[in-house]
Amino acid sequence: MKKIYTAFNKAMCFISARIDQVSEITKPQKKFLKWILEIWVMLPVRHNFLNVYRYSNGRYSEKSLRNQFNRKIDFPRLSDAVFGELREKECIAAFDPSFIK
């Protein structure tokens, strides 16, 4: 069966590969970041620990989510690793909030 690559899948693969390149982040943090960035976009409800837990299909408990968010991450370095290569290119980011009342 041939895998269908959508723009979202390509973007997530790109971000996932870049997160893997950041050496200061532990393996569990990398796994969590990849997962939370993907689910964050798809949540049809308010973003809080309880709702993320409900939509996580048992992957992370509410307590685990809180613990992961309490850990320190060097976001400027992570942002440079993920999007630094795109600085030389012309890029457009789009978001369609038409579903918001």
N, C-alpha and C. Protein backbone atom coordinates (compact mmCIF):
# COMPACT_ATOMS: atom_id res chain seq x y z
N MET A 1 0.83 -1.17 0.00
CA MET A 1 0.00 0.00 0.00
C MET A 1 0.89 1.25 0.00
N LYS A 2 0.60 2.14 -0.90
CA LYS A 2 1.39 3.35 -1.05
C LYS A 2 0.96 4.39 -0.02
N LYS A 3 1.94 4.98 0.66
CA LYS A 3 1.65 5.99 1.67
C LYS A 3 1.37 7.33 0.99
N ILE A 4 0.30 7.98 1.41
CA ILE A 4 -0.07 9.27 0.84
C ILE A 4 0.55 10.36 1.70
N TYR A 5 1.30 11.24 1.07
CA TYR A 5 1.92 12.34 1.78
C TYR A 5 1.13 13.62 1.53
N THR A 6 0.57 14.15 2.58
CA THR A 6 -0.11 15.43 2.49
C THR A 6 0.87 16.52 2.92
N ALA A 7 0.45 17.75 2.78
CA ALA A 7 1.30 18.86 3.21
C ALA A 7 1.56 18.76 4.71
N PHE A 8 0.54 18.34 5.48
CA PHE A 8 0.71 18.21 6.92
C PHE A 8 1.73 17.12 7.25
N ASN A 9 1.64 15.98 6.57
CA ASN A 9 2.60 14.89 6.81
C ASN A 9 4.02 15.32 6.48
N LYS A 10 4.17 16.04 5.38
CA LYS A 10 5.51 16.51 4.99
C LYS A 10 6.05 17.49 6.02
N ALA A 11 5.20 18.39 6.49
CA ALA A 11 5.63 19.36 7.50
C ALA A 11 6.02 18.65 8.79
N MET A 12 5.22 17.67 9.22
CA MET A 12 5.53 16.95 10.45
C MET A 12 6.82 16.13 10.31
N CYS A 13 7.04 15.54 9.16
CA CYS A 13 8.29 14.79 8.93
C CYS A 13 9.49 15.74 8.99
N PHE A 14 9.35 16.91 8.40
CA PHE A 14 10.41 17.91 8.42
C PHE A 14 10.71 18.35 9.85
N ILE A 15 9.67 18.69 10.60
CA ILE A 15 9.85 19.14 11.99
C ILE A 15 10.42 18.02 12.85
N SER A 16 9.93 16.80 12.65
CA SER A 16 10.42 15.65 13.42
C SER A 16 11.91 15.43 13.18
N ALA A 17 12.34 15.51 11.93
CA ALA A 17 13.76 15.32 11.60
C ALA A 17 14.62 16.41 12.24
N ARG A 18 14.10 17.63 12.26
CA ARG A 18 14.85 18.74 12.85
C ARG A 18 14.92 18.61 14.37
N ILE A 19 13.84 18.17 15.00
CA ILE A 19 13.86 17.96 16.45
C ILE A 19 14.90 16.92 16.82
N ASP A 20 15.01 15.88 16.00
CA ASP A 20 16.00 14.82 16.26
C ASP A 20 17.42 15.35 16.23
N GLN A 21 17.66 16.46 15.54
CA GLN A 21 19.02 17.00 15.42
C GLN A 21 19.45 17.82 16.63
N VAL A 22 18.51 18.20 17.49
CA VAL A 22 18.84 19.01 18.66
C VAL A 22 19.39 18.09 19.75
N SER A 23 20.65 18.25 20.09
CA SER A 23 21.29 17.31 21.01
C SER A 23 20.98 17.59 22.48
N GLU A 24 20.57 18.81 22.82
CA GLU A 24 20.30 19.15 24.21
C GLU A 24 18.99 18.58 24.74
N ILE A 25 18.14 18.10 23.86
CA ILE A 25 16.84 17.58 24.27
C ILE A 25 16.95 16.07 24.43
N THR A 26 16.42 15.56 25.53
CA THR A 26 16.48 14.11 25.78
C THR A 26 15.53 13.38 24.83
N LYS A 27 15.74 12.08 24.70
CA LYS A 27 14.92 11.27 23.80
C LYS A 27 13.44 11.29 24.19
N PRO A 28 13.09 11.16 25.48
CA PRO A 28 11.67 11.26 25.84
C PRO A 28 11.07 12.62 25.53
N GLN A 29 11.85 13.69 25.69
CA GLN A 29 11.36 15.03 25.36
C GLN A 29 11.14 15.17 23.86
N LYS A 30 12.04 14.60 23.06
CA LYS A 30 11.89 14.65 21.61
C LYS A 30 10.61 13.93 21.19
N LYS A 31 10.40 12.76 21.77
CA LYS A 31 9.20 11.97 21.46
C LYS A 31 7.94 12.75 21.83
N PHE A 32 7.96 13.38 23.00
CA PHE A 32 6.81 14.15 23.46
C PHE A 32 6.58 15.37 22.58
N LEU A 33 7.63 16.09 22.23
CA LEU A 33 7.49 17.28 21.39
C LEU A 33 6.88 16.95 20.03
N LYS A 34 7.37 15.88 19.43
CA LYS A 34 6.82 15.47 18.13
C LYS A 34 5.34 15.15 18.26
N TRP A 35 5.00 14.43 19.31
CA TRP A 35 3.61 14.04 19.52
C TRP A 35 2.72 15.25 19.81
N ILE A 36 3.15 16.13 20.70
CA ILE A 36 2.30 17.25 21.12
C ILE A 36 2.12 18.24 19.97
N LEU A 37 3.14 18.45 19.16
CA LEU A 37 2.99 19.36 18.01
C LEU A 37 1.98 18.82 17.01
N GLU A 38 1.96 17.52 16.85
CA GLU A 38 1.00 16.92 15.92
C GLU A 38 -0.43 16.97 16.47
N ILE A 39 -0.60 16.60 17.72
CA ILE A 39 -1.96 16.56 18.29
C ILE A 39 -2.50 17.96 18.55
N TRP A 40 -1.62 18.91 18.83
CA TRP A 40 -2.02 20.27 19.13
C TRP A 40 -2.81 20.87 17.97
N VAL A 41 -2.38 20.58 16.76
CA VAL A 41 -3.03 21.11 15.57
C VAL A 41 -4.41 20.48 15.35
N MET A 42 -4.56 19.24 15.74
CA MET A 42 -5.78 18.51 15.43
C MET A 42 -6.85 18.56 16.52
N LEU A 43 -6.54 19.09 17.68
CA LEU A 43 -7.53 19.10 18.76
C LEU A 43 -8.71 19.99 18.43
N PRO A 44 -9.93 19.43 18.48
CA PRO A 44 -11.12 20.23 18.18
C PRO A 44 -11.70 20.92 19.41
N VAL A 45 -10.96 20.90 20.51
CA VAL A 45 -11.45 21.44 21.78
C VAL A 45 -10.43 22.42 22.34
N ARG A 46 -10.80 23.01 23.45
CA ARG A 46 -9.88 23.91 24.15
C ARG A 46 -8.62 23.16 24.56
N HIS A 47 -7.49 23.82 24.47
CA HIS A 47 -6.21 23.18 24.77
C HIS A 47 -5.87 23.32 26.25
N ASN A 48 -6.08 22.26 27.01
CA ASN A 48 -5.64 22.18 28.39
C ASN A 48 -5.23 20.74 28.66
N PHE A 49 -4.63 20.50 29.80
CA PHE A 49 -4.09 19.16 30.07
C PHE A 49 -5.16 18.08 30.05
N LEU A 50 -6.31 18.36 30.61
CA LEU A 50 -7.37 17.36 30.66
C LEU A 50 -7.86 17.00 29.25
N ASN A 51 -8.08 17.99 28.40
CA ASN A 51 -8.55 17.70 27.05
C ASN A 51 -7.49 17.01 26.20
N VAL A 52 -6.25 17.41 26.35
CA VAL A 52 -5.18 16.74 25.61
C VAL A 52 -5.10 15.28 26.05
N TYR A 53 -5.24 15.04 27.35
CA TYR A 53 -5.25 13.66 27.86
C TYR A 53 -6.39 12.87 27.24
N ARG A 54 -7.57 13.46 27.17
CA ARG A 54 -8.74 12.76 26.63
C ARG A 54 -8.53 12.35 25.17
N TYR A 55 -7.83 13.17 24.41
CA TYR A 55 -7.61 12.88 23.00
C TYR A 55 -6.29 12.14 22.74
N SER A 56 -5.58 11.80 23.79
CA SER A 56 -4.28 11.16 23.60
C SER A 56 -4.37 9.64 23.44
N ASN A 57 -5.55 9.08 23.58
CA ASN A 57 -5.74 7.63 23.46
C ASN A 57 -4.84 6.85 24.42
N GLY A 58 -4.67 7.38 25.62
CA GLY A 58 -3.89 6.69 26.65
C GLY A 58 -2.40 6.79 26.48
N ARG A 59 -1.93 7.59 25.56
CA ARG A 59 -0.48 7.68 25.34
C ARG A 59 0.21 8.39 26.50
N TYR A 60 -0.39 9.46 27.00
CA TYR A 60 0.15 10.19 28.14
C TYR A 60 -0.98 10.45 29.13
N SER A 61 -0.68 10.30 30.40
CA SER A 61 -1.67 10.64 31.42
C SER A 61 -1.65 12.15 31.63
N GLU A 62 -2.65 12.65 32.32
CA GLU A 62 -2.69 14.09 32.60
C GLU A 62 -1.46 14.52 33.40
N LYS A 63 -1.06 13.68 34.35
CA LYS A 63 0.11 13.98 35.17
C LYS A 63 1.39 14.00 34.31
N SER A 64 1.50 13.06 33.39
CA SER A 64 2.67 13.02 32.51
C SER A 64 2.74 14.27 31.63
N LEU A 65 1.58 14.72 31.16
CA LEU A 65 1.54 15.94 30.36
C LEU A 65 2.04 17.13 31.17
N ARG A 66 1.54 17.23 32.40
CA ARG A 66 1.97 18.34 33.27
C ARG A 66 3.48 18.26 33.54
N ASN A 67 3.98 17.06 33.78
CA ASN A 67 5.41 16.90 34.04
C ASN A 67 6.26 17.28 32.83
N GLN A 68 5.82 16.89 31.65
CA GLN A 68 6.56 17.23 30.44
C GLN A 68 6.60 18.75 30.22
N PHE A 69 5.47 19.41 30.49
CA PHE A 69 5.44 20.86 30.31
C PHE A 69 6.23 21.59 31.39
N ASN A 70 6.52 20.95 32.50
CA ASN A 70 7.33 21.57 33.55
C ASN A 70 8.82 21.50 33.24
N ARG A 71 9.23 20.64 32.32
CA ARG A 71 10.64 20.51 31.97
C ARG A 71 11.09 21.68 31.12
N LYS A 72 12.30 22.09 31.33
CA LYS A 72 12.85 23.22 30.60
C LYS A 72 13.35 22.76 29.22
N ILE A 73 13.03 23.57 28.21
CA ILE A 73 13.51 23.33 26.85
C ILE A 73 14.03 24.65 26.32
N ASP A 74 15.17 24.61 25.65
CA ASP A 74 15.76 25.80 25.06
C ASP A 74 15.05 26.06 23.72
N PHE A 75 13.92 26.78 23.77
CA PHE A 75 13.11 26.99 22.58
C PHE A 75 13.80 27.82 21.49
N PRO A 76 14.59 28.82 21.84
CA PRO A 76 15.30 29.52 20.75
C PRO A 76 16.21 28.58 19.95
N ARG A 77 16.90 27.70 20.65
CA ARG A 77 17.77 26.73 19.95
C ARG A 77 16.95 25.74 19.15
N LEU A 78 15.84 25.30 19.72
CA LEU A 78 14.95 24.38 19.01
C LEU A 78 14.38 25.04 17.76
N SER A 79 13.96 26.29 17.89
CA SER A 79 13.41 27.03 16.75
C SER A 79 14.47 27.21 15.66
N ASP A 80 15.69 27.52 16.05
CA ASP A 80 16.77 27.64 15.07
C ASP A 80 17.03 26.32 14.36
N ALA A 81 16.97 25.22 15.10
CA ALA A 81 17.21 23.92 14.50
C ALA A 81 16.09 23.54 13.53
N VAL A 82 14.86 23.86 13.90
CA VAL A 82 13.73 23.48 13.07
C VAL A 82 13.58 24.40 11.86
N PHE A 83 13.65 25.70 12.09
CA PHE A 83 13.33 26.64 11.02
C PHE A 83 14.52 27.41 10.49
N GLY A 84 15.72 27.19 11.03
CA GLY A 84 16.90 27.93 10.61
C GLY A 84 17.21 27.79 9.13
N GLU A 85 17.03 26.59 8.60
CA GLU A 85 17.32 26.34 7.19
C GLU A 85 16.35 27.10 6.27
N LEU A 86 15.18 27.39 6.78
CA LEU A 86 14.16 28.06 5.96
C LEU A 86 14.40 29.56 5.83
N ARG A 87 15.34 30.09 6.57
CA ARG A 87 15.62 31.53 6.50
C ARG A 87 16.08 31.95 5.11
N GLU A 88 16.79 31.08 4.43
CA GLU A 88 17.29 31.42 3.10
C GLU A 88 16.21 31.29 2.03
N LYS A 89 15.08 30.67 2.37
CA LYS A 89 14.03 30.44 1.40
C LYS A 89 12.84 31.35 1.69
N GLU A 90 12.06 31.59 0.66
CA GLU A 90 10.83 32.35 0.83
C GLU A 90 9.73 31.37 1.20
N CYS A 91 9.13 31.55 2.37
CA CYS A 91 8.12 30.62 2.87
C CYS A 91 6.85 31.37 3.25
N ILE A 92 5.76 30.66 3.15
CA ILE A 92 4.47 31.21 3.56
C ILE A 92 3.83 30.22 4.53
N ALA A 93 3.39 30.72 5.66
CA ALA A 93 2.67 29.89 6.61
C ALA A 93 1.22 30.36 6.62
N ALA A 94 0.29 29.43 6.53
CA ALA A 94 -1.12 29.80 6.48
C ALA A 94 -1.89 29.04 7.55
N PHE A 95 -2.90 29.70 8.07
CA PHE A 95 -3.76 29.10 9.09
C PHE A 95 -5.19 29.52 8.77
N ASP A 96 -6.10 28.58 8.70
CA ASP A 96 -7.48 28.87 8.35
C ASP A 96 -8.35 28.76 9.59
N PRO A 97 -8.67 29.87 10.25
CA PRO A 97 -9.49 29.83 11.45
C PRO A 97 -10.98 29.92 11.16
N SER A 98 -11.42 29.46 10.02
CA SER A 98 -12.82 29.58 9.63
C SER A 98 -13.76 28.77 10.53
N PHE A 99 -13.22 27.79 11.24
CA PHE A 99 -14.06 26.97 12.10
C PHE A 99 -14.35 27.66 13.44
N ILE A 100 -13.65 28.74 13.75
CA ILE A 100 -13.87 29.47 15.00
C ILE A 100 -15.08 30.37 14.85
N LYS A 101 -15.97 30.29 15.82
CA LYS A 101 -17.19 31.09 15.75
C LYS A 101 -16.91 32.56 15.96
